[in-house]
Structures are given as C-alpha cells and as structure tokens.
Amino acid sequence: MNLSHLLNNVNVIQVIGNAESKEIDSITIDSRTVKPNSLFFAIEGLKTDGHNFINDAINKNACAIVLQKANAVPDQIFIHNGVVKILVENSRKALAEFSNLFYGKPSHKLNLTGITGTKGKTTTAFYVKNVFQTAGFKTGLIGTIANYIDEKEVKTLLTTPQSNDLNQLLAQMHQENCSHCVMEVSSHALDLHRVDHINFSGAIFTNITSDHMDYHKTFEHYLKSKKILFDMLFKDGKIVYNSDDPNSNSIIKDSHAHKFSIGMNKDAQFRIQNLEFNLDGTTFSVIYKNQELKILTKLVGHFNAYNATLAFAMAVINGIDPILAVHGINKTPQVPGRFEVISNKDKKVIVDYAHTSDSLQQALKAVKHIVKDERPIYTVFGCGGDRDKTKRPIMGNIAASMSDRVYVTSDNPRTEDPFIIIDEILNGITTNNYRVLENREEAIQAAILESEDNAVVLIAGKGHENYQEINGIRNHFSDKEIAQKYLSI
C-alpha cells in the first residue's frame, strides 16, 4: 500500500519526507523484525520504549517511522536516510488506526464476537467456536491458549494480540474463508487501545472480580477497562451478559446494543435451572421463551454452566436453531487446563488455571461440591511473580481453609524471589495443614504420592501453560504432564 494513501485516511500531526514514494509491505512495533518497506511504530511500553529503537529501525531500512515523541531522533537523521517521519498524538492509538486500514478493515468482513470478564473467557470462546462450527460456519478463534483459523492452530503469546498482529490475523481468517470469529478481549488490550477500530458484531460479559491490580491499581479502573468493549458496539450489536454478576449493570449500562441476560435469577432471558455436576461433566437446563432445553457438557463445574449458556445465548440470538446450539455445546471438547480431570483408578487430579483468589475459591467450591466430604482434598498452588501481591495471603487462606492439605509452591516467579512470594502466601494461612515445596514438580509429586487413594488433588494456577518462567527464562513445564507422570507410579 502506498504510504500517502494510508496517510490520507488517518489522523497525524506532522509528516516529514516524501510519502508518495513509499510503498508499505508490513507494519511492526519490533525493530528486530523491520525489513525494507516496513512501517515501524515506536510504542512507549510499560518496560521498554520503542522510541529508543528508532535508529535501529532506520538502519534496517524501514521506509517510515510513526512516533509520538517529536524530538526522539533529530529530523536530519530521517531526511539523510530518506525515511518518512510521522508524528502522532499517541502511537498505540495510531497503530490500531493504521493497522485497520492497512489490512483492509478485516473485522468488518467477519461476524466477530468479543468476550471479556475475569474468568471463563477461554472456555466460553471454545464453546462459541464449536457452536458456530456445528451450525456450519467456518470460524476463527483468538485467545489465551492459541489462535485458530478453523482447525489450524496459530501460536499466541498474548490473550489479545497487538493491533497490527490482530488485524493481520483477522485478514488471514477472511482470506481463508472464515465467516465468524470469536475473540477473548483482555482488560489490558482494551485499556492499551489494541482493539480500537475493531468492529465487534457482539460481545459477551462473563463476570468480574479483582484481578490484574498490579496494572490497574483499582477495581474501578479494571471495571472501566472491561466496559470499553460494550461501549464500542453499534446499535445493531448484540450483548450477552451474566446478570447474576452484581457488576453486570455497570458494565453494560451505557451501551446502545441489544442486550440479552443469562443467569439463575428469575428475570434472566436465558435462565439456568436444575444444575448438577460431577467429575464426569455438567448437566443443566436453559429456559428460553418458555422452552426448556437440556444441556450436557463434558466440562465440569457450575461455572461451565454459565460459560455454556453465554455461548448458547449468543448462538441463538445470531439465528442458530436452539437444538443445533445445544448439540454444539454438548460436543465441545475439554478445554486444556480448565478444570481438566486426570484419573488413575479412584484418584483424581484436577488441573485448573485458577490464579486469582476468586477463581481459586470457585474451583475449590466445585471440588467440595463433588466430593461431598467423602474424599480428601489436596491443593497445590503458588502465585506468579511481578503481579498483584495483595492476592497472595488471601489465596493462602482460601487454599488452607478449603483443603485438607495444601502444598505451597512456585508458579511463575518471573524476576521475584520465589521464597518471598511463598512467605507472602503463608501470611494468610493460620492453620498447620500446609507444606512448602518451592520446586513445583516436587510439590505435585508429593501431593499425588502422599494423598489417599480416593483423594482429589487440585493443581491450580498454570492450567494450560507449558512453561515456568524464572528470572526471565521460560523452561518447559506442564502441570498436566507432571501429574500424569506421578499418577502412573
């Protein structure tokens, strides 16, 4: 695309250089990926500042640079190297605006459903994808575990990609004949403008509890960030929301889109009833327009009844036959690391992504509901480093008070001392039913081998992740693989 054509349709403050002579082949925010005809965006990040790498991008023959710090590099360097300088008010916002146009406004060519909330985004996204595919629509997915173009997996590092990668992926989905896409939308992505200019056909709200306080600082800011998704929708958009969540009205109140509620309360338009679950799956009914539809899902837990109903409702309001939607829910496979049950004879291990105080409590409530005081509960968990520290003692208290025995260990300590993290967890434990084993494999091994034959062992925190990050280095580590290893002994 000719740079001048792009510039004629976006907001900029100043352009220095001959844009008409430049053809753009790619957009990047990483100077290491710059090549001739790249448009490089200097993004001021939380840890690094892309403005410090402008010279690197110029030396690698970028044809133009977008920046928000006017004096980051002297104009003479741009002129001398024949590189166009594009000054904008906000590089992040500009990246979203430019990317949307460069890739041909791909989100406008798809039926795109965004999902946000503290818990349940990934599972709900898998349900929605499976229901749309069951109805015959070729569907993409963008999320925490992986991105998918129909059945083809595309690896991911962020729950919601940067806006250039996001638009490129959406364009690829359209090129490969996807008609629908479902996307997890994180609070970070919303606050950092990654989904600006994205056209969402619909949006789903799962729930909201305190999370990511290391970034948001206050719950109010976290909620405000989540709310952006629903405020973005046009009047013909569709919202499905969990009306049992006390903050749901605050989230959706200003949206002009059509709103549809799910929940157990009597006023929910899609009402959940007769909910039961065990280690084999979950059964419940959904009442919609005086019709009762019975649903059976392999996924375990009351929270999965909510996730499934959110997906069911989104499908139905998009014109999919309710019976077909139920079929899509019923055959949705286990989502990796989301209350995933692994068995060896009578002993059960549950691998779950629960990494907040509320998600850990909900996971343990589900386990207690299943065992009904007839089987002991062992919990293995830790807390991630360089993240919200306030939740650590709370999670310690929840684990110790709701389990027969707790193994406190490392999660992803990142750049923090793992023993300091563990000490902060122990500050919330007032009982003596715990053991500290910093090495995560040793903790899982001990929980499995030391527990009774009929025990249920919850391994919480990492879920689907196949790595452990220590001092900035990621080493292969899978809770599921380690659990299977010691269950087989």
Protein backbone atom coordinates (compact mmCIF):
# COMPACT_ATOMS: atom_id res chain seq x y z
CA MET A 1 0.00 0.00 0.00
CA ASN A 2 1.24 3.46 -0.83
CA LEU A 3 2.06 5.40 2.32
CA SER A 4 0.41 8.58 1.08
CA HIS A 5 -2.87 6.71 0.58
CA LEU A 6 -2.67 5.48 4.15
CA LEU A 7 -1.85 8.94 5.49
CA ASN A 8 -4.81 10.49 3.68
CA ASN A 9 -7.16 8.40 5.82
CA VAL A 10 -5.64 8.62 9.32
CA ASN A 11 -5.02 11.28 11.93
CA VAL A 12 -1.46 12.61 12.15
CA ILE A 13 0.16 15.77 13.49
CA GLN A 14 3.07 16.13 11.08
CA VAL A 15 4.72 14.31 8.17
CA ILE A 16 8.33 14.94 7.15
CA GLY A 17 9.51 13.29 3.94
CA ASN A 18 8.14 12.08 0.62
CA ALA A 19 5.31 9.71 1.48
CA GLU A 20 4.19 9.36 -2.14
CA SER A 21 7.36 7.45 -2.99
CA LYS A 22 6.97 4.86 -0.21
CA GLU A 23 5.20 1.51 -0.51
CA ILE A 24 4.33 -0.24 2.76
CA ASP A 25 4.62 -4.05 2.88
CA SER A 26 4.40 -4.60 6.64
CA ILE A 27 3.69 -2.94 9.98
CA THR A 28 5.76 -3.73 13.08
CA ILE A 29 6.49 -2.47 16.58
CA ASP A 30 9.61 -4.64 16.95
CA SER A 31 12.77 -3.18 15.42
CA ARG A 32 14.19 -6.70 15.13
CA THR A 33 11.55 -7.59 12.53
CA VAL A 34 11.99 -4.45 10.42
CA LYS A 35 12.77 -5.00 6.74
CA PRO A 36 12.73 -2.76 3.67
CA ASN A 37 9.27 -1.21 3.18
CA SER A 38 8.34 -1.73 6.84
CA LEU A 39 6.34 0.91 8.71
CA PHE A 40 7.78 0.98 12.25
CA PHE A 41 5.74 2.22 15.19
CA ALA A 42 7.65 3.49 18.21
CA ILE A 43 5.46 2.43 21.14
CA GLU A 44 6.10 3.66 24.67
CA GLY A 45 5.70 0.42 26.63
CA LEU A 46 5.45 -0.44 30.30
CA LYS A 47 9.05 -1.67 30.44
CA THR A 48 10.72 -0.53 27.22
CA ASP A 49 10.25 2.46 24.94
CA GLY A 50 10.16 1.87 21.20
CA HIS A 51 11.46 5.38 20.63
CA ASN A 52 14.85 4.11 21.79
CA PHE A 53 14.94 1.74 18.81
CA ILE A 54 14.11 4.19 16.03
CA ASN A 55 17.73 4.32 14.87
CA ASP A 56 17.80 0.53 14.70
CA ALA A 57 14.69 0.57 12.52
CA ILE A 58 16.21 3.23 10.26
CA ASN A 59 19.43 1.22 9.93
CA LYS A 60 17.36 -1.81 8.86
CA ASN A 61 15.81 0.28 6.05
CA ALA A 62 12.36 0.95 7.44
CA CYS A 63 10.69 3.31 4.98
CA ALA A 64 8.75 5.27 7.62
CA ILE A 65 8.54 5.73 11.37
CA VAL A 66 5.46 6.59 13.41
CA LEU A 67 6.25 8.20 16.76
CA GLN A 68 4.71 10.37 19.45
CA LYS A 69 7.87 11.96 20.85
CA ALA A 70 8.72 14.66 18.35
CA ASN A 71 12.36 15.02 19.41
CA ALA A 72 13.23 11.36 19.96
CA VAL A 73 15.51 11.44 16.89
CA PRO A 74 16.68 14.59 15.03
CA ASP A 75 14.81 15.34 11.82
CA GLN A 76 18.12 15.41 9.96
CA ILE A 77 18.57 11.67 10.51
CA PHE A 78 15.21 10.95 8.88
CA ILE A 79 15.96 13.26 5.98
CA HIS A 80 19.52 11.95 5.47
CA ASN A 81 18.29 8.33 5.33
CA GLY A 82 15.23 9.06 3.21
CA VAL A 83 12.89 7.80 5.94
CA VAL A 84 9.48 9.42 6.41
CA LYS A 85 8.80 10.74 9.90
CA ILE A 86 5.16 10.60 11.00
CA LEU A 87 4.32 12.37 14.26
CA VAL A 88 1.10 11.36 16.02
CA GLU A 89 -0.52 12.17 19.34
CA ASN A 90 -0.50 8.57 20.57
CA SER A 91 1.47 5.78 18.90
CA ARG A 92 -0.72 2.99 20.32
CA LYS A 93 -3.91 4.59 19.02
CA ALA A 94 -2.25 5.26 15.69
CA LEU A 95 -1.09 1.64 15.42
CA ALA A 96 -4.69 0.46 15.70
CA GLU A 97 -5.94 3.04 13.21
CA PHE A 98 -3.20 2.39 10.63
CA SER A 99 -3.44 -1.40 11.01
CA ASN A 100 -7.19 -1.44 10.49
CA LEU A 101 -6.80 0.39 7.17
CA PHE A 102 -3.62 -1.36 6.01
CA TYR A 103 -5.24 -4.79 6.33
CA GLY A 104 -8.48 -3.68 4.69
CA LYS A 105 -10.75 -3.34 7.73
CA PRO A 106 -10.93 -7.12 8.21
CA SER A 107 -13.14 -7.06 11.31
CA HIS A 108 -15.92 -5.54 9.19
CA LYS A 109 -15.86 -8.67 7.00
CA LEU A 110 -16.45 -11.13 9.85
CA ASN A 111 -19.15 -11.81 12.40
CA LEU A 112 -16.85 -11.04 15.33
CA THR A 113 -17.77 -11.86 18.94
CA GLY A 114 -15.64 -10.38 21.71
CA ILE A 115 -15.58 -11.99 25.15
CA THR A 116 -14.38 -10.27 28.30
CA GLY A 117 -14.52 -10.89 32.03
CA THR A 118 -12.23 -12.11 34.79
CA LYS A 119 -12.98 -15.83 34.49
CA GLY A 120 -14.40 -18.02 31.78
CA LYS A 121 -13.24 -16.15 28.67
CA THR A 122 -11.29 -19.07 27.24
CA THR A 123 -13.90 -21.74 27.91
CA THR A 124 -16.73 -19.55 26.61
CA ALA A 125 -14.72 -18.81 23.47
CA PHE A 126 -14.25 -22.54 22.82
CA TYR A 127 -17.98 -23.11 23.31
CA VAL A 128 -18.89 -20.28 20.92
CA LYS A 129 -16.44 -21.50 18.28
CA ASN A 130 -17.75 -25.05 18.48
CA VAL A 131 -21.40 -23.97 18.29
CA PHE A 132 -20.79 -21.76 15.24
CA GLN A 133 -18.86 -24.56 13.54
CA THR A 134 -21.60 -27.07 14.36
CA ALA A 135 -24.01 -24.70 12.61
CA GLY A 136 -21.81 -24.82 9.50
CA PHE A 137 -19.83 -21.59 9.84
CA LYS A 138 -16.07 -21.62 9.32
CA THR A 139 -14.87 -19.91 12.49
CA GLY A 140 -11.64 -18.46 13.83
CA LEU A 141 -10.63 -18.05 17.47
CA ILE A 142 -8.24 -15.61 19.13
CA GLY A 143 -7.42 -16.36 22.74
CA THR A 144 -5.18 -17.25 25.63
CA ILE A 145 -4.33 -20.83 24.75
CA ALA A 146 -3.92 -20.45 20.99
CA ASN A 147 -5.36 -18.80 17.92
CA TYR A 148 -7.24 -20.90 15.39
CA ILE A 149 -8.18 -20.37 11.78
CA ASP A 150 -10.90 -23.01 11.57
CA GLU A 151 -8.96 -26.07 12.81
CA LYS A 152 -5.46 -24.72 12.07
CA GLU A 153 -3.64 -23.62 15.23
CA VAL A 154 -1.61 -20.41 15.32
CA LYS A 155 0.58 -19.93 18.42
CA THR A 156 -0.05 -16.93 20.65
CA LEU A 157 1.78 -15.03 23.39
CA LEU A 158 -0.91 -12.51 24.36
CA THR A 159 -4.57 -13.09 25.16
CA THR A 160 -5.36 -10.28 22.74
CA PRO A 161 -2.59 -9.59 20.18
CA GLN A 162 -1.17 -6.16 19.42
CA SER A 163 -3.39 -4.33 16.94
CA ASN A 164 -1.12 -4.91 13.93
CA ASP A 165 -0.94 -8.66 14.59
CA LEU A 166 -4.65 -8.74 15.40
CA ASN A 167 -5.70 -7.13 12.12
CA GLN A 168 -3.29 -9.31 10.16
CA LEU A 169 -4.79 -12.42 11.77
CA LEU A 170 -8.35 -11.27 11.10
CA ALA A 171 -7.42 -10.56 7.48
CA GLN A 172 -5.93 -14.05 7.17
CA MET A 173 -9.14 -15.55 8.58
CA HIS A 174 -11.18 -13.71 5.97
CA GLN A 175 -8.80 -14.79 3.19
CA GLU A 176 -9.20 -18.41 4.32
CA ASN A 177 -12.99 -18.09 4.12
CA CYS A 178 -13.88 -17.74 7.77
CA SER A 179 -17.24 -16.03 8.20
CA HIS A 180 -17.14 -15.89 12.00
CA CYS A 181 -14.55 -15.24 14.68
CA VAL A 182 -14.63 -15.30 18.47
CA MET A 183 -12.02 -13.37 20.44
CA GLU A 184 -11.02 -13.11 24.07
CA VAL A 185 -10.57 -9.43 24.87
CA SER A 186 -8.37 -8.65 27.87
CA SER A 187 -8.60 -5.56 30.05
CA HIS A 188 -5.02 -4.70 29.07
CA ALA A 189 -5.94 -4.81 25.38
CA LEU A 190 -8.92 -2.55 25.91
CA ASP A 191 -7.03 -0.03 28.00
CA LEU A 192 -3.99 -0.05 25.69
CA HIS A 193 -6.07 0.55 22.54
CA ARG A 194 -5.26 -2.79 20.87
CA VAL A 195 -8.86 -3.25 19.74
CA ASP A 196 -9.54 0.35 18.71
CA HIS A 197 -11.28 0.46 15.30
CA ILE A 198 -12.25 -3.23 15.56
CA ASN A 199 -15.87 -3.85 14.56
CA PHE A 200 -17.48 -6.26 17.03
CA SER A 201 -20.80 -7.77 15.98
CA GLY A 202 -21.40 -8.98 19.51
CA ALA A 203 -19.87 -9.07 22.97
CA ILE A 204 -20.10 -11.40 25.96
CA PHE A 205 -19.58 -10.49 29.62
CA THR A 206 -18.72 -13.48 31.83
CA ASN A 207 -18.12 -11.96 35.29
CA ILE A 208 -15.74 -9.60 37.06
CA THR A 209 -13.74 -9.92 40.27
CA SER A 210 -10.49 -8.31 41.36
CA ASP A 211 -7.56 -9.16 39.06
CA HIS A 212 -4.51 -7.52 37.46
CA MET A 213 -4.26 -4.97 40.26
CA ASP A 214 -0.52 -4.69 39.52
CA TYR A 215 -1.59 -2.92 36.31
CA HIS A 216 -5.00 -1.37 37.04
CA LYS A 217 -4.28 -0.37 40.67
CA THR A 218 -8.01 -0.09 41.47
CA PHE A 219 -11.05 -2.26 40.81
CA GLU A 220 -12.79 0.79 39.38
CA HIS A 221 -10.16 1.17 36.67
CA TYR A 222 -10.32 -2.57 35.92
CA LEU A 223 -14.10 -2.41 35.53
CA LYS A 224 -13.87 0.74 33.41
CA SER A 225 -11.41 -1.00 31.09
CA LYS A 226 -13.69 -4.02 30.65
CA LYS A 227 -16.62 -1.71 29.96
CA ILE A 228 -14.91 -0.27 26.88
CA LEU A 229 -15.81 -3.36 24.83
CA PHE A 230 -19.55 -2.89 25.35
CA ASP A 231 -19.42 0.86 24.80
CA MET A 232 -17.75 0.20 21.41
CA LEU A 233 -20.72 -1.72 19.98
CA PHE A 234 -23.03 -0.12 17.45
CA LYS A 235 -26.82 -0.13 17.82
CA ASP A 236 -27.17 -3.32 15.79
CA GLY A 237 -24.65 -5.11 18.02
CA LYS A 238 -25.62 -7.85 20.46
CA ILE A 239 -24.59 -8.23 24.10
CA VAL A 240 -24.97 -11.40 26.16
CA TYR A 241 -24.18 -10.88 29.83
CA ASN A 242 -24.18 -12.74 33.12
CA SER A 243 -26.90 -10.93 35.04
CA ASP A 244 -26.06 -12.85 38.23
CA ASP A 245 -22.85 -10.84 38.46
CA PRO A 246 -23.50 -7.78 40.66
CA ASN A 247 -21.42 -5.55 38.38
CA SER A 248 -23.16 -6.51 35.14
CA ASN A 249 -25.37 -3.42 35.04
CA SER A 250 -22.36 -1.13 35.45
CA ILE A 251 -20.64 -2.88 32.56
CA ILE A 252 -23.48 -2.66 30.02
CA LYS A 253 -25.48 0.39 31.12
CA ASP A 254 -24.15 2.85 28.51
CA SER A 255 -24.16 0.50 25.54
CA HIS A 256 -26.69 1.12 22.75
CA ALA A 257 -26.51 -2.51 21.57
CA HIS A 258 -29.24 -5.12 22.06
CA LYS A 259 -28.85 -6.79 25.47
CA PHE A 260 -29.65 -10.38 26.47
CA SER A 261 -29.23 -11.71 30.00
CA ILE A 262 -28.34 -15.19 31.26
CA GLY A 263 -28.29 -16.47 34.83
CA MET A 264 -30.15 -18.29 37.55
CA ASN A 265 -32.23 -15.29 38.60
CA LYS A 266 -35.89 -15.36 37.57
CA ASP A 267 -35.57 -12.31 35.30
CA ALA A 268 -32.79 -13.76 33.12
CA GLN A 269 -33.87 -14.16 29.49
CA PHE A 270 -31.83 -17.38 29.28
CA ARG A 271 -32.44 -18.93 32.71
CA ILE A 272 -30.26 -21.72 34.12
CA GLN A 273 -32.06 -24.41 36.13
CA ASN A 274 -31.50 -27.91 37.53
CA LEU A 275 -27.73 -27.57 37.60
CA GLU A 276 -25.77 -30.68 38.62
CA PHE A 277 -22.18 -31.69 38.07
CA ASN A 278 -19.67 -34.38 38.98
CA LEU A 279 -16.23 -35.40 37.77
CA ASP A 280 -17.73 -36.69 34.51
CA GLY A 281 -19.45 -33.48 33.40
CA THR A 282 -22.22 -30.96 33.98
CA THR A 283 -25.96 -31.11 33.27
CA PHE A 284 -28.48 -28.29 33.42
CA SER A 285 -31.48 -26.79 31.66
CA VAL A 286 -31.86 -23.45 29.93
CA ILE A 287 -35.31 -21.85 29.87
CA TYR A 288 -35.72 -19.53 26.88
CA LYS A 289 -39.08 -18.17 25.72
CA ASN A 290 -40.89 -20.83 27.77
CA GLN A 291 -38.90 -23.59 26.10
CA GLU A 292 -36.71 -25.86 28.24
CA LEU A 293 -33.55 -27.17 26.65
CA LYS A 294 -31.46 -29.75 28.49
CA ILE A 295 -27.70 -29.44 28.11
CA LEU A 296 -24.95 -31.92 28.94
CA THR A 297 -21.33 -30.81 28.72
CA LYS A 298 -18.14 -32.76 29.39
CA LEU A 299 -16.71 -29.70 31.13
CA VAL A 300 -17.07 -29.82 34.91
CA GLY A 301 -18.37 -27.16 37.32
CA HIS A 302 -21.21 -24.72 37.89
CA PHE A 303 -19.15 -22.01 36.19
CA ASN A 304 -19.19 -24.06 32.99
CA ALA A 305 -22.99 -23.97 33.01
CA TYR A 306 -22.66 -20.18 32.88
CA ASN A 307 -19.98 -20.31 30.17
CA ALA A 308 -22.04 -22.72 28.08
CA THR A 309 -25.22 -20.67 28.48
CA LEU A 310 -23.44 -17.48 27.39
CA ALA A 311 -22.34 -19.29 24.23
CA PHE A 312 -25.78 -20.83 23.71
CA ALA A 313 -27.46 -17.44 24.01
CA MET A 314 -25.04 -15.79 21.57
CA ALA A 315 -25.71 -18.53 19.06
CA VAL A 316 -29.49 -18.33 19.37
CA ILE A 317 -29.65 -14.54 19.01
CA ASN A 318 -27.49 -14.94 15.90
CA GLY A 319 -30.19 -17.08 14.35
CA ILE A 320 -28.84 -20.55 15.10
CA ASP A 321 -31.50 -23.14 15.90
CA PRO A 322 -31.55 -23.79 19.68
CA ILE A 323 -31.40 -27.58 19.21
CA LEU A 324 -28.34 -27.21 16.97
CA ALA A 325 -26.77 -24.85 19.54
CA VAL A 326 -27.33 -27.45 22.28
CA HIS A 327 -25.64 -30.05 20.10
CA GLY A 328 -22.66 -27.74 19.65
CA ILE A 329 -22.38 -27.24 23.40
CA ASN A 330 -22.69 -30.95 24.13
CA LYS A 331 -19.83 -31.92 21.84
CA THR A 332 -17.41 -29.16 22.85
CA PRO A 333 -14.21 -30.94 23.95
CA GLN A 334 -12.33 -30.38 27.19
CA VAL A 335 -10.57 -27.02 27.18
CA PRO A 336 -6.90 -27.57 28.13
CA GLY A 337 -6.15 -26.64 31.73
CA ARG A 338 -9.67 -25.52 32.59
CA PHE A 339 -10.83 -27.80 35.43
CA GLU A 340 -9.31 -30.66 33.46
CA VAL A 341 -9.74 -34.02 35.23
CA ILE A 342 -6.99 -36.66 35.04
CA SER A 343 -7.64 -40.06 36.59
CA ASN A 344 -5.81 -43.13 37.79
CA LYS A 345 -8.25 -45.62 39.26
CA ASP A 346 -10.10 -43.77 42.04
CA LYS A 347 -7.59 -40.93 42.50
CA LYS A 348 -8.43 -37.75 40.59
CA VAL A 349 -6.20 -34.82 39.72
CA ILE A 350 -7.75 -31.57 38.51
CA VAL A 351 -5.53 -29.13 36.58
CA ASP A 352 -7.02 -25.64 36.59
CA TYR A 353 -5.93 -22.14 35.56
CA ALA A 354 -7.27 -20.62 38.80
CA HIS A 355 -4.75 -17.88 39.59
CA THR A 356 -6.84 -15.31 41.44
CA SER A 357 -8.39 -15.51 44.88
CA ASP A 358 -11.92 -15.73 43.49
CA SER A 359 -11.09 -18.32 40.82
CA LEU A 360 -9.26 -20.48 43.39
CA GLN A 361 -12.24 -20.25 45.74
CA GLN A 362 -14.66 -21.16 42.94
CA ALA A 363 -12.51 -24.13 41.90
CA LEU A 364 -12.35 -25.43 45.46
CA LYS A 365 -16.09 -24.90 45.92
CA ALA A 366 -16.63 -27.04 42.84
CA VAL A 367 -14.35 -29.76 44.21
CA LYS A 368 -16.09 -29.69 47.60
CA HIS A 369 -19.48 -29.94 45.89
CA ILE A 370 -18.28 -33.04 44.05
CA VAL A 371 -16.62 -34.86 46.96
CA LYS A 372 -19.37 -34.02 49.50
CA ASP A 373 -16.95 -34.54 52.44
CA GLU A 374 -16.44 -38.14 51.35
CA ARG A 375 -12.99 -37.67 49.81
CA PRO A 376 -9.97 -35.65 50.97
CA ILE A 377 -8.92 -32.55 49.01
CA TYR A 378 -5.27 -31.73 48.40
CA THR A 379 -4.31 -28.43 46.78
CA VAL A 380 -1.06 -27.44 45.05
CA PHE A 381 -0.67 -23.77 44.19
CA GLY A 382 1.61 -20.74 44.11
CA CYS A 383 1.38 -17.13 42.96
CA GLY A 384 3.07 -15.51 39.98
CA GLY A 385 5.88 -13.03 40.42
CA ASP A 386 5.77 -9.40 39.23
CA ARG A 387 1.99 -9.44 39.53
CA ASP A 388 -0.64 -8.41 42.07
CA LYS A 389 0.84 -9.06 45.52
CA THR A 390 -2.31 -8.33 47.50
CA LYS A 391 -3.96 -11.60 46.47
CA ARG A 392 -1.16 -13.82 47.84
CA PRO A 393 -2.20 -14.06 51.54
CA ILE A 394 -5.88 -14.20 50.51
CA MET A 395 -5.20 -17.19 48.27
CA GLY A 396 -3.19 -18.83 51.03
CA ASN A 397 -6.13 -18.50 53.40
CA ILE A 398 -8.61 -19.84 50.85
CA ALA A 399 -6.46 -22.85 49.97
CA ALA A 400 -5.74 -23.81 53.59
CA SER A 401 -9.30 -23.31 54.82
CA MET A 402 -10.94 -25.23 51.97
CA SER A 403 -8.45 -28.12 51.63
CA ASP A 404 -7.40 -31.00 53.83
CA ARG A 405 -3.77 -30.33 52.91
CA VAL A 406 -2.00 -27.62 50.92
CA TYR A 407 1.34 -27.69 49.11
CA VAL A 408 2.58 -24.12 48.66
CA THR A 409 4.98 -23.88 45.74
CA SER A 410 6.18 -21.67 42.88
CA ASP A 411 4.07 -20.64 39.93
CA ASN A 412 5.91 -18.33 37.53
CA PRO A 413 8.18 -16.37 39.89
CA ARG A 414 9.49 -14.34 36.94
CA THR A 415 12.02 -11.87 38.38
CA GLU A 416 10.93 -12.19 42.03
CA ASP A 417 12.50 -14.39 44.69
CA PRO A 418 10.11 -17.38 44.88
CA PHE A 419 10.61 -17.73 48.63
CA ILE A 420 9.49 -14.14 49.20
CA ILE A 421 6.33 -14.90 47.22
CA ILE A 422 5.76 -18.03 49.31
CA ASP A 423 6.28 -16.09 52.55
CA GLU A 424 3.59 -13.61 51.46
CA ILE A 425 1.22 -16.52 50.76
CA LEU A 426 1.94 -18.00 54.20
CA ASN A 427 0.98 -14.69 55.83
CA GLY A 428 -2.64 -15.61 55.10
CA ILE A 429 -2.50 -19.17 56.46
CA THR A 430 -3.49 -19.60 60.11
CA THR A 431 -3.68 -23.41 60.14
CA ASN A 432 -0.91 -26.03 60.11
CA ASN A 433 -2.22 -28.16 57.23
CA TYR A 434 0.34 -26.95 54.72
CA ARG A 435 3.77 -27.88 53.44
CA VAL A 436 6.20 -25.67 51.50
CA LEU A 437 7.94 -27.22 48.50
CA GLU A 438 9.29 -24.46 46.28
CA ASN A 439 10.08 -26.85 43.42
CA ARG A 440 6.74 -27.22 41.62
CA GLU A 441 7.36 -30.74 40.35
CA GLU A 442 8.29 -31.89 43.86
CA ALA A 443 5.10 -30.33 45.22
CA ILE A 444 2.93 -32.09 42.63
CA GLN A 445 4.77 -35.35 43.22
CA ALA A 446 4.28 -35.11 46.99
CA ALA A 447 0.58 -34.24 46.71
CA ILE A 448 -0.12 -37.19 44.43
CA LEU A 449 2.02 -39.79 46.19
CA GLU A 450 1.21 -38.71 49.75
CA SER A 451 -2.56 -38.44 49.26
CA GLU A 452 -5.06 -41.23 49.86
CA ASP A 453 -6.14 -43.48 47.01
CA ASN A 454 -9.54 -41.77 46.81
CA ALA A 455 -8.19 -38.21 47.07
CA VAL A 456 -8.90 -35.33 44.73
CA VAL A 457 -5.79 -33.23 44.03
CA LEU A 458 -6.30 -29.71 42.67
CA ILE A 459 -3.25 -28.26 40.89
CA ALA A 460 -4.06 -24.59 40.47
CA GLY A 461 -2.53 -21.60 38.76
CA LYS A 462 -0.96 -22.60 35.46
CA GLY A 463 -3.64 -24.61 33.69
CA HIS A 464 -2.75 -24.96 30.01
CA GLU A 465 0.67 -23.28 30.31
CA ASN A 466 3.57 -25.48 29.24
CA TYR A 467 6.34 -23.40 30.76
CA GLN A 468 7.62 -21.98 34.02
CA GLU A 469 9.21 -18.54 33.90
CA ILE A 470 12.15 -17.98 36.25
CA ASN A 471 14.40 -14.91 36.01
CA GLY A 472 13.03 -14.07 32.57
CA ILE A 473 13.74 -17.55 31.17
CA ARG A 474 10.92 -19.91 30.20
CA ASN A 475 11.59 -23.60 30.73
CA HIS A 476 9.22 -26.34 29.62
CA PHE A 477 6.85 -27.28 32.43
CA SER A 478 3.35 -28.74 32.22
CA ASP A 479 1.23 -29.40 35.30
CA LYS A 480 -0.73 -31.99 33.30
CA GLU A 481 2.38 -33.85 32.16
CA ILE A 482 3.84 -33.89 35.68
CA ALA A 483 0.53 -35.09 37.13
CA GLN A 484 0.30 -37.91 34.59
CA LYS A 485 3.89 -38.89 35.36
CA TYR A 486 3.26 -39.41 39.08
CA LEU A 487 -0.25 -40.83 38.70
CA SER A 488 1.26 -43.66 36.71
CA ILE A 489 3.59 -44.71 39.55
